[in-house]
Amino acid sequence: MTITINEELRAYIDPLTEDEYAALERSLLSEGCRDALVLWGDLLVDGHNRYGICQKHEIPFNTMQNPAFTSMDDVHLWMIDNHLGRRSVSDFQRGILALRKKEIVSARVAQAQVQRSSNEPDSADAASQPAIEVPLNRDAIARAARLSSTTLAQIEKIQKTAAPELVSAVKSGVISINAAVAVASLPNEEQVAAVAGGKKELRQAARQVREARLPPKAEPEQPPSDATPDQIEIHRLTLLVTELTEERVQLKKKIQHLTIALSEARSGTDASDA
């Protein structure tokens, strides 16, 4: 049997970590290759790691053809949907895959619309034309990735503005998505420096960005010069209440950031256990 490896397809999904690869190798050695490799003709679509390990240890394996493939876009969409359904894929990876799906579908829709308009069918022919795919909006993409629209927007911003070093830090779990989107707003060289400084430096950079976005505190209003002692005390207490209220608001924001970071950390733990 001839099996062809396309390096672009092999690299289309983030590679396994060393630990994940070692776990897969142990599983194949002890249990054999239970899942068939997916082919499109002789092109290997799914199972690159299994194929390599099976070849290395001469482990028997089965293959199956997917008759639904008609183009490389079909292959890419199938690969994306296949990986979006896996529990071991991190939130950031799911977001990147979902955004790729949006790009592919949007391009297909645009191409179909151009072809349909260039053919200029009459009303009778138009009814028999195949339906054009519906573009995916942000909410639909977020649901496909099992993410909130806010998190998907953050991932999209990281994808567009983050330095490669910062993207690698997010993928490896060194920094959360919520913190990374703040660091990504810094100049490229500052992002790289923060990554080089490690987890503590990245958190510090994210905190500084958030604090810089806060509106400046107004100077407290002074009581009138002819105010009575009671009026001065009331004024002092009013300022104190205002200050405590502001502190409460900031604490709530910090709790929200910590909750998001904890959720992402738990997601990363689930992925490592898969």
C-alpha atoms as a PDB file:
ATOM      1  CA  MET A   1       0.000   0.000   0.000  1.00  0.00           C
ATOM      2  CA  THR A   2       1.286   3.437  -0.975  1.00  0.00           C
ATOM      3  CA  ILE A   3       0.692   6.199   1.577  1.00  0.00           C
ATOM      4  CA  THR A   4       1.725   9.739   0.700  1.00  0.00           C
ATOM      5  CA  ILE A   5       2.637  12.286   3.381  1.00  0.00           C
ATOM      6  CA  ASN A   6       1.875  15.950   2.723  1.00  0.00           C
ATOM      7  CA  GLU A   7       4.013  18.074   5.048  1.00  0.00           C
ATOM      8  CA  GLU A   8       1.496  20.927   4.953  1.00  0.00           C
ATOM      9  CA  LEU A   9      -1.213  18.575   6.224  1.00  0.00           C
ATOM     10  CA  ARG A  10       1.118  17.093   8.831  1.00  0.00           C
ATOM     11  CA  ALA A  11       1.776  20.590  10.209  1.00  0.00           C
ATOM     12  CA  TYR A  12      -1.811  21.850   9.854  1.00  0.00           C
ATOM     13  CA  ILE A  13      -2.638  20.827  13.432  1.00  0.00           C
ATOM     14  CA  ASP A  14      -0.240  21.649  16.268  1.00  0.00           C
ATOM     15  CA  PRO A  15       2.118  18.691  16.838  1.00  0.00           C
ATOM     16  CA  LEU A  16       1.931  16.532  19.953  1.00  0.00           C
ATOM     17  CA  THR A  17       4.157  17.419  22.876  1.00  0.00           C
ATOM     18  CA  GLU A  18       6.939  15.002  23.781  1.00  0.00           C
ATOM     19  CA  ASP A  19       4.837  13.620  26.649  1.00  0.00           C
ATOM     20  CA  GLU A  20       1.761  13.195  24.441  1.00  0.00           C
ATOM     21  CA  TYR A  21       3.803  11.449  21.741  1.00  0.00           C
ATOM     22  CA  ALA A  22       5.388   9.119  24.304  1.00  0.00           C
ATOM     23  CA  ALA A  23       1.942   8.267  25.727  1.00  0.00           C
ATOM     24  CA  LEU A  24       0.622   7.501  22.230  1.00  0.00           C
ATOM     25  CA  GLU A  25       3.633   5.286  21.514  1.00  0.00           C
ATOM     26  CA  ARG A  26       3.086   3.332  24.746  1.00  0.00           C
ATOM     27  CA  SER A  27      -0.580   2.875  23.900  1.00  0.00           C
ATOM     28  CA  LEU A  28       0.140   1.589  20.387  1.00  0.00           C
ATOM     29  CA  LEU A  29       2.787  -0.797  21.662  1.00  0.00           C
ATOM     30  CA  SER A  30       0.480  -2.258  24.317  1.00  0.00           C
ATOM     31  CA  GLU A  31      -2.890  -2.168  22.525  1.00  0.00           C
ATOM     32  CA  GLY A  32      -2.049  -1.965  18.835  1.00  0.00           C
ATOM     33  CA  CYS A  33      -3.423   0.579  16.363  1.00  0.00           C
ATOM     34  CA  ARG A  34      -7.181   0.365  16.962  1.00  0.00           C
ATOM     35  CA  ASP A  35      -8.244   3.432  14.922  1.00  0.00           C
ATOM     36  CA  ALA A  36      -7.933   3.313  11.138  1.00  0.00           C
ATOM     37  CA  LEU A  37      -5.794   5.903   9.372  1.00  0.00           C
ATOM     38  CA  VAL A  38      -7.915   8.210   7.193  1.00  0.00           C
ATOM     39  CA  LEU A  39      -6.877   8.580   3.549  1.00  0.00           C
ATOM     40  CA  TRP A  40      -7.909  10.633   0.541  1.00  0.00           C
ATOM     41  CA  GLY A  41      -6.720   8.453  -2.253  1.00  0.00           C
ATOM     42  CA  ASP A  42      -3.168   7.658  -1.158  1.00  0.00           C
ATOM     43  CA  LEU A  43      -2.846  10.922   0.806  1.00  0.00           C
ATOM     44  CA  LEU A  44      -2.723  10.523   4.585  1.00  0.00           C
ATOM     45  CA  VAL A  45      -5.210  12.889   6.208  1.00  0.00           C
ATOM     46  CA  ASP A  46      -5.459  11.719   9.815  1.00  0.00           C
ATOM     47  CA  GLY A  47      -3.044   9.572  11.809  1.00  0.00           C
ATOM     48  CA  HIS A  48       0.398  10.954  10.990  1.00  0.00           C
ATOM     49  CA  ASN A  49       1.782  10.183  14.458  1.00  0.00           C
ATOM     50  CA  ARG A  50       0.203   6.726  14.541  1.00  0.00           C
ATOM     51  CA  TYR A  51       1.538   5.960  11.070  1.00  0.00           C
ATOM     52  CA  GLY A  52       5.082   6.981  12.041  1.00  0.00           C
ATOM     53  CA  ILE A  53       5.021   4.916  15.241  1.00  0.00           C
ATOM     54  CA  CYS A  54       3.502   1.895  13.469  1.00  0.00           C
ATOM     55  CA  GLN A  55       6.189   2.078  10.800  1.00  0.00           C
ATOM     56  CA  LYS A  56       8.898   2.350  13.443  1.00  0.00           C
ATOM     57  CA  HIS A  57       7.734  -0.682  15.453  1.00  0.00           C
ATOM     58  CA  GLU A  58       6.133  -2.655  12.579  1.00  0.00           C
ATOM     59  CA  ILE A  59       2.686  -2.448  14.189  1.00  0.00           C
ATOM     60  CA  PRO A  60      -0.177  -3.492  11.866  1.00  0.00           C
ATOM     61  CA  PHE A  61      -2.742  -0.811  11.047  1.00  0.00           C
ATOM     62  CA  ASN A  62      -5.878  -0.352   8.962  1.00  0.00           C
ATOM     63  CA  THR A  63      -6.847   2.474   6.619  1.00  0.00           C
ATOM     64  CA  MET A  64     -10.130   3.912   5.441  1.00  0.00           C
ATOM     65  CA  GLN A  65     -11.112   6.253   2.633  1.00  0.00           C
ATOM     66  CA  ASN A  66     -13.309   9.288   3.239  1.00  0.00           C
ATOM     67  CA  PRO A  67     -15.567   9.605   0.185  1.00  0.00           C
ATOM     68  CA  ALA A  68     -16.744  13.085   1.204  1.00  0.00           C
ATOM     69  CA  PHE A  69     -13.448  14.733   0.224  1.00  0.00           C
ATOM     70  CA  THR A  70     -13.520  16.583  -3.095  1.00  0.00           C
ATOM     71  CA  SER A  71     -10.930  19.282  -2.419  1.00  0.00           C
ATOM     72  CA  MET A  72      -8.171  20.235  -0.002  1.00  0.00           C
ATOM     73  CA  ASP A  73     -10.617  22.630   1.663  1.00  0.00           C
ATOM     74  CA  ASP A  74     -12.823  19.629   2.464  1.00  0.00           C
ATOM     75  CA  VAL A  75      -9.805  17.915   3.989  1.00  0.00           C
ATOM     76  CA  HIS A  76      -8.922  20.959   6.089  1.00  0.00           C
ATOM     77  CA  LEU A  77     -12.497  21.397   7.341  1.00  0.00           C
ATOM     78  CA  TRP A  78     -12.706  17.719   8.260  1.00  0.00           C
ATOM     79  CA  MET A  79      -9.407  17.937  10.149  1.00  0.00           C
ATOM     80  CA  ILE A  80     -10.605  21.042  12.002  1.00  0.00           C
ATOM     81  CA  ASP A  81     -13.950  19.524  13.007  1.00  0.00           C
ATOM     82  CA  ASN A  82     -12.226  16.295  14.018  1.00  0.00           C
ATOM     83  CA  HIS A  83      -9.842  18.085  16.372  1.00  0.00           C
ATOM     84  CA  LEU A  84     -12.458  20.496  17.740  1.00  0.00           C
ATOM     85  CA  GLY A  85     -14.262  17.449  19.084  1.00  0.00           C
ATOM     86  CA  ARG A  86     -11.262  16.216  21.063  1.00  0.00           C
ATOM     87  CA  ARG A  87     -11.064  16.983  24.782  1.00  0.00           C
ATOM     88  CA  SER A  88      -7.265  17.212  24.723  1.00  0.00           C
ATOM     89  CA  VAL A  89      -7.290  20.346  22.539  1.00  0.00           C
ATOM     90  CA  SER A  90      -6.717  23.539  24.558  1.00  0.00           C
ATOM     91  CA  ASP A  91      -8.982  26.599  24.412  1.00  0.00           C
ATOM     92  CA  PHE A  92      -6.371  28.531  22.433  1.00  0.00           C
ATOM     93  CA  GLN A  93      -5.929  25.712  19.910  1.00  0.00           C
ATOM     94  CA  ARG A  94      -9.705  25.373  19.502  1.00  0.00           C
ATOM     95  CA  GLY A  95      -9.988  29.101  18.897  1.00  0.00           C
ATOM     96  CA  ILE A  96      -7.258  29.059  16.236  1.00  0.00           C
ATOM     97  CA  LEU A  97      -8.867  26.061  14.501  1.00  0.00           C
ATOM     98  CA  ALA A  98     -12.312  27.677  14.584  1.00  0.00           C
ATOM     99  CA  LEU A  99     -10.921  30.894  13.070  1.00  0.00           C
ATOM    100  CA  ARG A 100      -9.310  28.835  10.298  1.00  0.00           C
ATOM    101  CA  LYS A 101     -12.688  27.244   9.636  1.00  0.00           C
ATOM    102  CA  LYS A 102     -14.283  30.688   9.388  1.00  0.00           C
ATOM    103  CA  GLU A 103     -11.669  31.770   6.826  1.00  0.00           C
ATOM    104  CA  ILE A 104     -12.172  28.659   4.680  1.00  0.00           C
ATOM    105  CA  VAL A 105     -15.967  28.875   4.726  1.00  0.00           C
ATOM    106  CA  SER A 106     -15.912  32.630   4.032  1.00  0.00           C
ATOM    107  CA  ALA A 107     -13.599  32.113   1.048  1.00  0.00           C
ATOM    108  CA  ARG A 108     -15.802  29.320  -0.312  1.00  0.00           C
ATOM    109  CA  VAL A 109     -18.927  31.457   0.048  1.00  0.00           C
ATOM    110  CA  ALA A 110     -17.272  34.391  -1.737  1.00  0.00           C
ATOM    111  CA  GLN A 111     -16.045  32.138  -4.548  1.00  0.00           C
ATOM    112  CA  ALA A 112     -19.469  30.525  -4.961  1.00  0.00           C
ATOM    113  CA  GLN A 113     -21.145  33.921  -5.140  1.00  0.00           C
ATOM    114  CA  VAL A 114     -18.699  35.114  -7.812  1.00  0.00           C
ATOM    115  CA  GLN A 115     -19.237  31.966  -9.882  1.00  0.00           C
ATOM    116  CA  ARG A 116     -23.003  32.218  -9.578  1.00  0.00           C
ATOM    117  CA  SER A 117     -23.060  35.889 -10.593  1.00  0.00           C
ATOM    118  CA  SER A 118     -20.686  35.281 -13.538  1.00  0.00           C
ATOM    119  CA  ASN A 119     -22.932  32.532 -14.900  1.00  0.00           C
ATOM    120  CA  GLU A 120     -25.947  34.876 -14.727  1.00  0.00           C
ATOM    121  CA  PRO A 121     -28.583  32.111 -14.803  1.00  0.00           C
ATOM    122  CA  ASP A 122     -32.145  32.966 -15.699  1.00  0.00           C
ATOM    123  CA  SER A 123     -34.886  32.628 -13.103  1.00  0.00           C
ATOM    124  CA  ALA A 124     -35.607  29.023 -14.087  1.00  0.00           C
ATOM    125  CA  ASP A 125     -31.972  27.987 -13.813  1.00  0.00           C
ATOM    126  CA  ALA A 126     -31.514  29.909 -10.574  1.00  0.00           C
ATOM    127  CA  ALA A 127     -33.973  27.676  -8.776  1.00  0.00           C
ATOM    128  CA  SER A 128     -31.918  24.613  -9.644  1.00  0.00           C
ATOM    129  CA  GLN A 129     -28.618  26.126  -8.509  1.00  0.00           C
ATOM    130  CA  PRO A 130     -27.106  24.489  -5.373  1.00  0.00           C
ATOM    131  CA  ALA A 131     -27.471  26.479  -2.184  1.00  0.00           C
ATOM    132  CA  ILE A 132     -24.509  28.634  -1.224  1.00  0.00           C
ATOM    133  CA  GLU A 133     -22.927  27.941   2.160  1.00  0.00           C
ATOM    134  CA  VAL A 134     -23.826  30.422   4.877  1.00  0.00           C
ATOM    135  CA  PRO A 135     -20.877  32.479   6.225  1.00  0.00           C
ATOM    136  CA  LEU A 136     -20.020  31.713   9.832  1.00  0.00           C
ATOM    137  CA  ASN A 137     -20.382  34.640  12.237  1.00  0.00           C
ATOM    138  CA  ARG A 138     -18.394  35.022  15.449  1.00  0.00           C
ATOM    139  CA  ASP A 139     -21.100  33.474  17.644  1.00  0.00           C
ATOM    140  CA  ALA A 140     -21.336  30.365  15.446  1.00  0.00           C
ATOM    141  CA  ILE A 141     -17.560  29.972  15.417  1.00  0.00           C
ATOM    142  CA  ALA A 142     -17.409  30.420  19.188  1.00  0.00           C
ATOM    143  CA  ARG A 143     -20.049  27.721  19.690  1.00  0.00           C
ATOM    144  CA  ALA A 144     -18.137  25.357  17.390  1.00  0.00           C
ATOM    145  CA  ALA A 145     -15.017  25.894  19.497  1.00  0.00           C
ATOM    146  CA  ARG A 146     -16.951  25.686  22.794  1.00  0.00           C
ATOM    147  CA  LEU A 147     -15.697  29.156  23.714  1.00  0.00           C
ATOM    148  CA  SER A 148     -17.334  32.449  24.613  1.00  0.00           C
ATOM    149  CA  SER A 149     -17.415  35.160  21.943  1.00  0.00           C
ATOM    150  CA  THR A 150     -15.187  37.276  24.194  1.00  0.00           C
ATOM    151  CA  THR A 151     -12.530  34.566  24.455  1.00  0.00           C
ATOM    152  CA  LEU A 152     -12.640  33.977  20.692  1.00  0.00           C
ATOM    153  CA  ALA A 153     -12.175  37.713  20.087  1.00  0.00           C
ATOM    154  CA  GLN A 154      -9.166  37.657  22.415  1.00  0.00           C
ATOM    155  CA  ILE A 155      -7.653  34.700  20.545  1.00  0.00           C
ATOM    156  CA  GLU A 156      -8.200  36.486  17.239  1.00  0.00           C
ATOM    157  CA  LYS A 157      -6.422  39.580  18.566  1.00  0.00           C
ATOM    158  CA  ILE A 158      -3.514  37.457  19.823  1.00  0.00           C
ATOM    159  CA  GLN A 159      -3.314  35.773  16.435  1.00  0.00           C
ATOM    160  CA  LYS A 160      -3.141  39.145  14.661  1.00  0.00           C
ATOM    161  CA  THR A 161      -0.972  41.249  16.979  1.00  0.00           C
ATOM    162  CA  ALA A 162       1.090  38.960  19.232  1.00  0.00           C
ATOM    163  CA  ALA A 163       4.761  38.272  18.596  1.00  0.00           C
ATOM    164  CA  PRO A 164       5.511  34.630  17.690  1.00  0.00           C
ATOM    165  CA  GLU A 165       7.234  34.233  21.058  1.00  0.00           C
ATOM    166  CA  LEU A 166       4.069  35.328  22.882  1.00  0.00           C
ATOM    167  CA  VAL A 167       1.908  32.970  20.797  1.00  0.00           C
ATOM    168  CA  SER A 168       4.234  30.107  21.752  1.00  0.00           C
ATOM    169  CA  ALA A 169       3.911  31.088  25.415  1.00  0.00           C
ATOM    170  CA  VAL A 170       0.106  30.918  25.186  1.00  0.00           C
ATOM    171  CA  LYS A 171       0.208  27.547  23.406  1.00  0.00           C
ATOM    172  CA  SER A 172       2.489  26.105  26.080  1.00  0.00           C
ATOM    173  CA  GLY A 173       0.340  27.462  28.915  1.00  0.00           C
ATOM    174  CA  VAL A 174       2.963  29.842  30.287  1.00  0.00           C
ATOM    175  CA  ILE A 175       0.456  32.702  30.081  1.00  0.00           C
ATOM    176  CA  SER A 176      -3.344  32.702  30.007  1.00  0.00           C
ATOM    177  CA  ILE A 177      -5.352  33.962  27.033  1.00  0.00           C
ATOM    178  CA  ASN A 178      -6.725  36.811  29.146  1.00  0.00           C
ATOM    179  CA  ALA A 179      -3.247  38.000  30.144  1.00  0.00           C
ATOM    180  CA  ALA A 180      -1.751  37.405  26.698  1.00  0.00           C
ATOM    181  CA  VAL A 181      -4.281  39.661  24.985  1.00  0.00           C
ATOM    182  CA  ALA A 182      -3.136  42.492  27.265  1.00  0.00           C
ATOM    183  CA  VAL A 183       0.559  41.850  26.577  1.00  0.00           C
ATOM    184  CA  ALA A 184      -0.184  41.628  22.832  1.00  0.00           C
ATOM    185  CA  SER A 185      -1.076  45.336  22.854  1.00  0.00           C
ATOM    186  CA  LEU A 186       2.553  46.204  23.664  1.00  0.00           C
ATOM    187  CA  PRO A 187       5.216  46.884  20.999  1.00  0.00           C
ATOM    188  CA  ASN A 188       6.733  43.712  19.560  1.00  0.00           C
ATOM    189  CA  GLU A 189      10.084  44.111  21.315  1.00  0.00           C
ATOM    190  CA  GLU A 190       8.392  44.556  24.698  1.00  0.00           C
ATOM    191  CA  GLN A 191       6.367  41.393  24.136  1.00  0.00           C
ATOM    192  CA  VAL A 192       9.534  39.442  23.336  1.00  0.00           C
ATOM    193  CA  ALA A 193      11.279  40.845  26.421  1.00  0.00           C
ATOM    194  CA  ALA A 194       8.340  39.900  28.640  1.00  0.00           C
ATOM    195  CA  VAL A 195       8.332  36.328  27.296  1.00  0.00           C
ATOM    196  CA  ALA A 196      12.083  36.084  27.873  1.00  0.00           C
ATOM    197  CA  GLY A 197      11.517  37.157  31.484  1.00  0.00           C
ATOM    198  CA  GLY A 198       9.284  34.152  32.145  1.00  0.00           C
ATOM    199  CA  LYS A 199       5.865  33.740  33.722  1.00  0.00           C
ATOM    200  CA  LYS A 200       6.371  36.369  36.434  1.00  0.00           C
ATOM    201  CA  GLU A 201       7.476  39.019  33.946  1.00  0.00           C
ATOM    202  CA  LEU A 202       4.522  38.236  31.662  1.00  0.00           C
ATOM    203  CA  ARG A 203       2.034  38.618  34.513  1.00  0.00           C
ATOM    204  CA  GLN A 204       3.658  41.905  35.520  1.00  0.00           C
ATOM    205  CA  ALA A 205       3.438  43.207  31.950  1.00  0.00           C
ATOM    206  CA  ALA A 206      -0.238  42.237  31.698  1.00  0.00           C
ATOM    207  CA  ARG A 207      -1.012  43.933  35.017  1.00  0.00           C
ATOM    208  CA  GLN A 208       0.754  47.125  33.938  1.00  0.00           C
ATOM    209  CA  VAL A 209      -1.226  47.234  30.686  1.00  0.00           C
ATOM    210  CA  ARG A 210      -4.527  46.823  32.546  1.00  0.00           C
ATOM    211  CA  GLU A 211      -3.632  49.467  35.113  1.00  0.00           C
ATOM    212  CA  ALA A 212      -2.594  51.902  32.374  1.00  0.00           C
ATOM    213  CA  ARG A 213      -6.072  51.576  30.845  1.00  0.00           C
ATOM    214  CA  LEU A 214      -7.796  52.655  34.049  1.00  0.00           C
ATOM    215  CA  PRO A 215      -9.050  56.259  34.047  1.00  0.00           C
ATOM    216  CA  PRO A 216      -6.907  58.624  36.135  1.00  0.00           C
ATOM    217  CA  LYS A 217      -8.172  59.291  39.619  1.00  0.00           C
ATOM    218  CA  ALA A 218      -9.648  62.729  40.100  1.00  0.00           C
ATOM    219  CA  GLU A 219      -8.259  64.929  42.825  1.00  0.00           C
ATOM    220  CA  PRO A 220     -10.599  64.804  45.855  1.00  0.00           C
ATOM    221  CA  GLU A 221     -12.758  67.863  46.222  1.00  0.00           C
ATOM    222  CA  GLN A 222     -11.912  69.964  49.267  1.00  0.00           C
ATOM    223  CA  PRO A 223     -14.655  71.123  51.662  1.00  0.00           C
ATOM    224  CA  PRO A 224     -15.555  74.800  51.617  1.00  0.00           C
ATOM    225  CA  SER A 225     -13.302  77.021  53.694  1.00  0.00           C
ATOM    226  CA  ASP A 226     -16.236  78.075  55.908  1.00  0.00           C
ATOM    227  CA  ALA A 227     -17.473  74.487  56.469  1.00  0.00           C
ATOM    228  CA  THR A 228     -18.479  73.529  59.986  1.00  0.00           C
ATOM    229  CA  PRO A 229     -16.808  70.581  61.753  1.00  0.00           C
ATOM    230  CA  ASP A 230     -19.872  68.452  61.040  1.00  0.00           C
ATOM    231  CA  GLN A 231     -19.759  69.345  57.344  1.00  0.00           C
ATOM    232  CA  ILE A 232     -16.055  68.528  57.202  1.00  0.00           C
ATOM    233  CA  GLU A 233     -16.700  65.123  58.775  1.00  0.00           C
ATOM    234  CA  ILE A 234     -19.547  64.396  56.356  1.00  0.00           C
ATOM    235  CA  HIS A 235     -17.285  65.373  53.457  1.00  0.00           C
ATOM    236  CA  ARG A 236     -14.526  63.078  54.739  1.00  0.00           C
ATOM    237  CA  LEU A 237     -16.921  60.163  55.093  1.00  0.00           C
ATOM    238  CA  THR A 238     -18.342  60.784  51.602  1.00  0.00           C
ATOM    239  CA  LEU A 239     -14.843  60.633  50.120  1.00  0.00           C
ATOM    240  CA  LEU A 240     -14.135  57.463  52.088  1.00  0.00           C
ATOM    241  CA  VAL A 241     -17.304  55.792  50.770  1.00  0.00           C
ATOM    242  CA  THR A 242     -16.350  56.784  47.209  1.00  0.00           C
ATOM    243  CA  GLU A 243     -12.846  55.370  47.652  1.00  0.00           C
ATOM    244  CA  LEU A 244     -14.126  52.097  49.137  1.00  0.00           C
ATOM    245  CA  THR A 245     -16.670  51.751  46.325  1.00  0.00           C
ATOM    246  CA  GLU A 246     -13.908  52.155  43.741  1.00  0.00           C
ATOM    247  CA  GLU A 247     -11.753  49.580  45.532  1.00  0.00           C
ATOM    248  CA  ARG A 248     -14.720  47.176  45.505  1.00  0.00           C
ATOM    249  CA  VAL A 249     -15.118  47.635  41.737  1.00  0.00           C
ATOM    250  CA  GLN A 250     -11.411  46.977  41.143  1.00  0.00           C
ATOM    251  CA  LEU A 251     -11.489  43.893  43.379  1.00  0.00           C
ATOM    252  CA  LYS A 252     -14.424  42.522  41.393  1.00  0.00           C
ATOM    253  CA  LYS A 253     -12.448  43.013  38.180  1.00  0.00           C
ATOM    254  CA  LYS A 254      -9.444  41.215  39.664  1.00  0.00           C
ATOM    255  CA  ILE A 255     -11.682  38.330  40.758  1.00  0.00           C
ATOM    256  CA  GLN A 256     -13.051  38.109  37.203  1.00  0.00           C
ATOM    257  CA  HIS A 257      -9.511  38.004  35.763  1.00  0.00           C
ATOM    258  CA  LEU A 258      -8.469  35.366  38.300  1.00  0.00           C
ATOM    259  CA  THR A 259     -11.593  33.299  37.567  1.00  0.00           C
ATOM    260  CA  ILE A 260     -10.809  33.342  33.837  1.00  0.00           C
ATOM    261  CA  ALA A 261      -7.168  32.429  34.475  1.00  0.00           C
ATOM    262  CA  LEU A 262      -8.222  29.580  36.806  1.00  0.00           C
ATOM    263  CA  SER A 263     -10.684  28.280  34.210  1.00  0.00           C
ATOM    264  CA  GLU A 264      -7.975  28.308  31.541  1.00  0.00           C
ATOM    265  CA  ALA A 265      -5.545  26.585  33.899  1.00  0.00           C
ATOM    266  CA  ARG A 266      -8.101  23.854  34.598  1.00  0.00           C
ATOM    267  CA  SER A 267      -8.678  23.451  30.870  1.00  0.00           C
ATOM    268  CA  GLY A 268      -4.962  22.997  30.357  1.00  0.00           C
ATOM    269  CA  THR A 269      -4.913  20.351  33.125  1.00  0.00           C
ATOM    270  CA  ASP A 270      -7.775  18.484  31.457  1.00  0.00           C
ATOM    271  CA  ALA A 271      -5.864  18.538  28.176  1.00  0.00           C
ATOM    272  CA  SER A 272      -2.736  17.089  29.765  1.00  0.00           C
ATOM    273  CA  ASP A 273      -4.759  14.290  31.368  1.00  0.00           C
ATOM    274  CA  ALA A 274      -6.377  13.228  28.078  1.00  0.00           C
END
